Amino acid sequence: PADTATRRAPAGTGAGARRGPRAASGSAPDSATAPEAGPGAAREFAHARRATRRGLVRSVTVAGTAGVVVLAGTFAWYAYTRTHAVLDPADYTALRIGEPYGKVERVLPELEASDPPSESMPSEPAGADCRYYRASDELFVSVDHFRLCFRSGRLISKAVIPRAGVSQVVEQERREWVR
């Protein structure tokens, strides 16, 4: 009788023992309460896998389509802003210093260039409003730019700003445009 008082009952078998999936911390569920795996469970699992796969494919498709749309829109905007800021070299050559802005405006493109090459840019005349136009509609390459400066409603200065990496051929083109 004295040794029975010091003996302990195995865990989970006493009066306060719980039954079910979490009967004792870290133990396996009771076989009496475990769900049975059968043909119905396999069908449910296959259905869940298909639904997950469809959701993943849909998400990847939407993200890919959005990426293509953004990329196409960016390219379209780039091409539009570059090709609608081109001043024809013949029109540039025909412009004369002192001409009123109204007369010069007739040959100007609808947009101004936003990216003239700043390394070779001459200083702007004091108090002048200068505008920059591309000399070519080529995309993804450096091109010459035309600078037209106005003060008091008249053209006071015009200059060719050479593209990056000026060569002898570019210098010859510039001499022809200035004539």
C-alpha atoms as a PDB file:
ATOM      1  CA  PRO A   1       0.000   0.000   0.000  1.00  0.00           C
ATOM      2  CA  ALA A   2       2.839   2.441   0.652  1.00  0.00           C
ATOM      3  CA  ASP A   3       4.284   1.927  -2.775  1.00  0.00           C
ATOM      4  CA  THR A   4       0.959   2.555  -4.504  1.00  0.00           C
ATOM      5  CA  ALA A   5       0.869   6.096  -3.141  1.00  0.00           C
ATOM      6  CA  THR A   6       4.176   6.977  -4.777  1.00  0.00           C
ATOM      7  CA  ARG A   7       3.306   5.524  -8.149  1.00  0.00           C
ATOM      8  CA  ARG A   8       1.913   7.846 -10.744  1.00  0.00           C
ATOM      9  CA  ALA A   9      -0.606   7.081 -13.393  1.00  0.00           C
ATOM     10  CA  PRO A  10       0.548   7.413 -17.011  1.00  0.00           C
ATOM     11  CA  ALA A  11      -0.158  10.850 -18.606  1.00  0.00           C
ATOM     12  CA  GLY A  12      -3.605  11.241 -20.096  1.00  0.00           C
ATOM     13  CA  THR A  13      -5.186   8.330 -18.229  1.00  0.00           C
ATOM     14  CA  GLY A  14      -6.289   9.950 -14.973  1.00  0.00           C
ATOM     15  CA  ALA A  15      -9.582  11.506 -13.988  1.00  0.00           C
ATOM     16  CA  GLY A  16      -8.833  14.849 -15.710  1.00  0.00           C
ATOM     17  CA  ALA A  17      -7.671  13.310 -18.971  1.00  0.00           C
ATOM     18  CA  ARG A  18      -9.107  14.763 -22.185  1.00  0.00           C
ATOM     19  CA  ARG A  19      -9.975  12.846 -25.279  1.00  0.00           C
ATOM     20  CA  GLY A  20      -9.784  14.159 -28.867  1.00  0.00           C
ATOM     21  CA  PRO A  21      -7.202  15.631 -31.259  1.00  0.00           C
ATOM     22  CA  ARG A  22      -5.381  17.530 -28.508  1.00  0.00           C
ATOM     23  CA  ALA A  23      -5.764  15.090 -25.637  1.00  0.00           C
ATOM     24  CA  ALA A  24      -2.318  15.773 -24.254  1.00  0.00           C
ATOM     25  CA  SER A  25       0.236  18.297 -25.431  1.00  0.00           C
ATOM     26  CA  GLY A  26       2.283  16.827 -28.264  1.00  0.00           C
ATOM     27  CA  SER A  27       0.343  13.556 -28.513  1.00  0.00           C
ATOM     28  CA  ALA A  28      -1.404  12.167 -31.570  1.00  0.00           C
ATOM     29  CA  PRO A  29      -5.193  12.321 -31.902  1.00  0.00           C
ATOM     30  CA  ASP A  30      -7.261   9.421 -30.658  1.00  0.00           C
ATOM     31  CA  SER A  31      -8.152   6.961 -33.377  1.00  0.00           C
ATOM     32  CA  ALA A  32     -11.775   7.162 -32.297  1.00  0.00           C
ATOM     33  CA  THR A  33     -12.020  10.908 -33.156  1.00  0.00           C
ATOM     34  CA  ALA A  34      -9.696  11.122 -36.235  1.00  0.00           C
ATOM     35  CA  PRO A  35     -11.490  11.922 -39.504  1.00  0.00           C
ATOM     36  CA  GLU A  36     -11.561   9.066 -41.923  1.00  0.00           C
ATOM     37  CA  ALA A  37      -9.833   9.562 -45.268  1.00  0.00           C
ATOM     38  CA  GLY A  38     -11.897   8.188 -48.082  1.00  0.00           C
ATOM     39  CA  PRO A  39     -12.975   8.892 -51.648  1.00  0.00           C
ATOM     40  CA  GLY A  40     -14.900  11.993 -50.570  1.00  0.00           C
ATOM     41  CA  ALA A  41     -11.841  13.504 -48.883  1.00  0.00           C
ATOM     42  CA  ALA A  42      -9.715  12.819 -51.962  1.00  0.00           C
ATOM     43  CA  ARG A  43     -12.280  14.595 -54.138  1.00  0.00           C
ATOM     44  CA  GLU A  44     -12.346  17.596 -51.805  1.00  0.00           C
ATOM     45  CA  PHE A  45      -8.558  17.747 -51.787  1.00  0.00           C
ATOM     46  CA  ALA A  46      -8.382  17.575 -55.609  1.00  0.00           C
ATOM     47  CA  HIS A  47     -11.032  20.302 -55.862  1.00  0.00           C
ATOM     48  CA  ALA A  48      -9.084  22.538 -53.461  1.00  0.00           C
ATOM     49  CA  ARG A  49      -5.876  21.995 -55.451  1.00  0.00           C
ATOM     50  CA  ARG A  50      -7.605  22.928 -58.718  1.00  0.00           C
ATOM     51  CA  ALA A  51      -9.141  26.042 -57.171  1.00  0.00           C
ATOM     52  CA  THR A  52      -5.765  27.098 -55.776  1.00  0.00           C
ATOM     53  CA  ARG A  53      -4.082  26.502 -59.136  1.00  0.00           C
ATOM     54  CA  ARG A  54      -6.783  28.526 -60.957  1.00  0.00           C
ATOM     55  CA  GLY A  55      -6.372  31.372 -58.478  1.00  0.00           C
ATOM     56  CA  LEU A  56      -2.601  31.365 -58.919  1.00  0.00           C
ATOM     57  CA  VAL A  57      -2.843  31.311 -62.719  1.00  0.00           C
ATOM     58  CA  ARG A  58      -5.396  34.146 -62.610  1.00  0.00           C
ATOM     59  CA  SER A  59      -3.163  36.248 -60.334  1.00  0.00           C
ATOM     60  CA  VAL A  60      -0.077  35.720 -62.488  1.00  0.00           C
ATOM     61  CA  THR A  61      -2.069  36.511 -65.644  1.00  0.00           C
ATOM     62  CA  VAL A  62      -3.478  39.733 -64.200  1.00  0.00           C
ATOM     63  CA  ALA A  63      -0.058  40.868 -62.952  1.00  0.00           C
ATOM     64  CA  GLY A  64       1.602  40.030 -66.275  1.00  0.00           C
ATOM     65  CA  THR A  65      -1.084  41.811 -68.274  1.00  0.00           C
ATOM     66  CA  ALA A  66      -0.815  44.883 -66.056  1.00  0.00           C
ATOM     67  CA  GLY A  67       2.955  44.894 -66.548  1.00  0.00           C
ATOM     68  CA  VAL A  68       2.614  44.702 -70.329  1.00  0.00           C
ATOM     69  CA  VAL A  69       0.031  47.513 -70.351  1.00  0.00           C
ATOM     70  CA  VAL A  70       2.261  49.776 -68.221  1.00  0.00           C
ATOM     71  CA  LEU A  71       5.295  49.015 -70.392  1.00  0.00           C
ATOM     72  CA  ALA A  72       3.384  49.676 -73.619  1.00  0.00           C
ATOM     73  CA  GLY A  73       1.951  52.913 -72.227  1.00  0.00           C
ATOM     74  CA  THR A  74       5.400  54.083 -71.144  1.00  0.00           C
ATOM     75  CA  PHE A  75       6.859  53.381 -74.572  1.00  0.00           C
ATOM     76  CA  ALA A  76       3.935  55.115 -76.299  1.00  0.00           C
ATOM     77  CA  TRP A  77       4.354  58.223 -74.131  1.00  0.00           C
ATOM     78  CA  TYR A  78       8.131  58.256 -74.742  1.00  0.00           C
ATOM     79  CA  ALA A  79       7.659  57.953 -78.511  1.00  0.00           C
ATOM     80  CA  TYR A  80       4.924  60.601 -78.557  1.00  0.00           C
ATOM     81  CA  THR A  81       6.873  63.186 -76.562  1.00  0.00           C
ATOM     82  CA  ARG A  82      10.024  62.645 -78.641  1.00  0.00           C
ATOM     83  CA  THR A  83       8.427  62.699 -82.084  1.00  0.00           C
ATOM     84  CA  HIS A  84       6.157  65.684 -81.354  1.00  0.00           C
ATOM     85  CA  ALA A  85       9.069  67.893 -80.249  1.00  0.00           C
ATOM     86  CA  VAL A  86      10.948  67.813 -83.575  1.00  0.00           C
ATOM     87  CA  LEU A  87      11.709  71.071 -85.375  1.00  0.00           C
ATOM     88  CA  ASP A  88      12.476  70.379 -89.022  1.00  0.00           C
ATOM     89  CA  PRO A  89      16.086  71.407 -89.811  1.00  0.00           C
ATOM     90  CA  ALA A  90      14.889  73.297 -92.914  1.00  0.00           C
ATOM     91  CA  ASP A  91      12.452  75.320 -90.786  1.00  0.00           C
ATOM     92  CA  TYR A  92      15.198  76.027 -88.249  1.00  0.00           C
ATOM     93  CA  THR A  93      17.515  77.259 -91.006  1.00  0.00           C
ATOM     94  CA  ALA A  94      14.795  79.563 -92.379  1.00  0.00           C
ATOM     95  CA  LEU A  95      14.323  81.331 -89.000  1.00  0.00           C
ATOM     96  CA  ARG A  96      15.939  84.776 -88.767  1.00  0.00           C
ATOM     97  CA  ILE A  97      17.049  86.652 -85.657  1.00  0.00           C
ATOM     98  CA  GLY A  98      14.617  89.487 -84.907  1.00  0.00           C
ATOM     99  CA  GLU A  99      11.549  87.716 -86.276  1.00  0.00           C
ATOM    100  CA  PRO A 100       8.408  88.147 -84.146  1.00  0.00           C
ATOM    101  CA  TYR A 101       7.310  85.158 -82.078  1.00  0.00           C
ATOM    102  CA  GLY A 102       3.995  84.939 -83.964  1.00  0.00           C
ATOM    103  CA  LYS A 103       5.819  84.220 -87.211  1.00  0.00           C
ATOM    104  CA  VAL A 104       8.267  81.759 -85.582  1.00  0.00           C
ATOM    105  CA  GLU A 105       5.427  79.963 -83.789  1.00  0.00           C
ATOM    106  CA  ARG A 106       3.945  78.761 -87.094  1.00  0.00           C
ATOM    107  CA  VAL A 107       6.834  76.337 -87.701  1.00  0.00           C
ATOM    108  CA  LEU A 108       7.321  75.173 -84.096  1.00  0.00           C
ATOM    109  CA  PRO A 109       6.237  71.657 -83.092  1.00  0.00           C
ATOM    110  CA  GLU A 110       3.484  71.195 -80.511  1.00  0.00           C
ATOM    111  CA  LEU A 111       5.875  70.078 -77.731  1.00  0.00           C
ATOM    112  CA  GLU A 112       9.250  71.231 -76.477  1.00  0.00           C
ATOM    113  CA  ALA A 113      12.123  68.817 -75.874  1.00  0.00           C
ATOM    114  CA  SER A 114      12.583  67.849 -72.259  1.00  0.00           C
ATOM    115  CA  ASP A 115      16.049  66.360 -72.588  1.00  0.00           C
ATOM    116  CA  PRO A 116      18.587  68.617 -74.348  1.00  0.00           C
ATOM    117  CA  PRO A 117      22.196  67.450 -73.901  1.00  0.00           C
ATOM    118  CA  SER A 118      23.453  69.710 -71.116  1.00  0.00           C
ATOM    119  CA  GLU A 119      27.182  68.915 -71.490  1.00  0.00           C
ATOM    120  CA  SER A 120      27.582  70.970 -74.657  1.00  0.00           C
ATOM    121  CA  MET A 121      24.908  73.598 -74.056  1.00  0.00           C
ATOM    122  CA  PRO A 122      25.994  77.236 -74.506  1.00  0.00           C
ATOM    123  CA  SER A 123      24.841  79.708 -71.863  1.00  0.00           C
ATOM    124  CA  GLU A 124      21.437  81.298 -72.370  1.00  0.00           C
ATOM    125  CA  PRO A 125      21.200  85.039 -73.134  1.00  0.00           C
ATOM    126  CA  ALA A 126      20.286  87.113 -70.074  1.00  0.00           C
ATOM    127  CA  GLY A 127      16.562  87.655 -69.622  1.00  0.00           C
ATOM    128  CA  ALA A 128      15.650  85.377 -72.523  1.00  0.00           C
ATOM    129  CA  ASP A 129      12.953  82.704 -72.624  1.00  0.00           C
ATOM    130  CA  CYS A 130      14.694  79.759 -74.323  1.00  0.00           C
ATOM    131  CA  ARG A 131      12.972  76.713 -75.773  1.00  0.00           C
ATOM    132  CA  TYR A 132      14.488  73.456 -76.949  1.00  0.00           C
ATOM    133  CA  TYR A 133      13.444  71.252 -79.845  1.00  0.00           C
ATOM    134  CA  ARG A 134      14.790  67.978 -81.204  1.00  0.00           C
ATOM    135  CA  ALA A 135      16.427  68.020 -84.651  1.00  0.00           C
ATOM    136  CA  SER A 136      15.416  64.425 -85.436  1.00  0.00           C
ATOM    137  CA  ASP A 137      12.629  62.016 -84.569  1.00  0.00           C
ATOM    138  CA  GLU A 138      15.000  59.109 -83.890  1.00  0.00           C
ATOM    139  CA  LEU A 139      14.203  57.220 -80.693  1.00  0.00           C
ATOM    140  CA  PHE A 140      16.623  55.753 -78.135  1.00  0.00           C
ATOM    141  CA  VAL A 141      19.620  57.700 -79.478  1.00  0.00           C
ATOM    142  CA  SER A 142      21.150  61.051 -78.696  1.00  0.00           C
ATOM    143  CA  VAL A 143      20.149  63.697 -81.254  1.00  0.00           C
ATOM    144  CA  ASP A 144      21.039  67.327 -81.854  1.00  0.00           C
ATOM    145  CA  HIS A 145      18.722  69.928 -80.373  1.00  0.00           C
ATOM    146  CA  PHE A 146      17.783  73.418 -81.519  1.00  0.00           C
ATOM    147  CA  ARG A 147      17.572  76.200 -78.967  1.00  0.00           C
ATOM    148  CA  LEU A 148      15.462  79.253 -79.731  1.00  0.00           C
ATOM    149  CA  CYS A 149      15.573  82.200 -77.328  1.00  0.00           C
ATOM    150  CA  PHE A 150      12.984  84.963 -77.228  1.00  0.00           C
ATOM    151  CA  ARG A 151      12.853  88.340 -75.488  1.00  0.00           C
ATOM    152  CA  SER A 152      10.133  90.954 -75.830  1.00  0.00           C
ATOM    153  CA  GLY A 153       8.267  88.795 -78.354  1.00  0.00           C
ATOM    154  CA  ARG A 154      11.194  88.446 -80.790  1.00  0.00           C
ATOM    155  CA  LEU A 155      13.698  85.724 -81.637  1.00  0.00           C
ATOM    156  CA  ILE A 156      17.024  86.951 -80.231  1.00  0.00           C
ATOM    157  CA  SER A 157      19.159  83.817 -80.461  1.00  0.00           C
ATOM    158  CA  LYS A 158      19.221  80.409 -82.073  1.00  0.00           C
ATOM    159  CA  ALA A 159      21.761  77.670 -81.485  1.00  0.00           C
ATOM    160  CA  VAL A 160      22.382  74.042 -82.317  1.00  0.00           C
ATOM    161  CA  ILE A 161      23.206  71.925 -79.279  1.00  0.00           C
ATOM    162  CA  PRO A 162      25.162  68.890 -80.487  1.00  0.00           C
ATOM    163  CA  ARG A 163      24.220  65.393 -79.412  1.00  0.00           C
ATOM    164  CA  ALA A 164      26.398  63.519 -77.002  1.00  0.00           C
ATOM    165  CA  GLY A 165      29.593  62.181 -78.620  1.00  0.00           C
ATOM    166  CA  VAL A 166      29.987  64.809 -81.359  1.00  0.00           C
ATOM    167  CA  SER A 167      31.976  63.607 -84.372  1.00  0.00           C
ATOM    168  CA  GLN A 168      33.257  65.322 -87.510  1.00  0.00           C
ATOM    169  CA  VAL A 169      30.088  64.308 -89.373  1.00  0.00           C
ATOM    170  CA  VAL A 170      27.941  66.026 -86.760  1.00  0.00           C
ATOM    171  CA  GLU A 171      30.101  69.146 -86.961  1.00  0.00           C
ATOM    172  CA  GLN A 172      29.548  69.256 -90.752  1.00  0.00           C
ATOM    173  CA  GLU A 173      25.764  68.908 -90.270  1.00  0.00           C
ATOM    174  CA  ARG A 174      25.812  71.752 -87.758  1.00  0.00           C
ATOM    175  CA  ARG A 175      27.657  74.054 -90.178  1.00  0.00           C
ATOM    176  CA  GLU A 176      25.005  73.327 -92.832  1.00  0.00           C
ATOM    177  CA  TRP A 177      22.113  74.125 -90.435  1.00  0.00           C
ATOM    178  CA  VAL A 178      23.617  77.424 -89.300  1.00  0.00           C
ATOM    179  CA  ARG A 179      23.960  78.744 -92.868  1.00  0.00           C
END
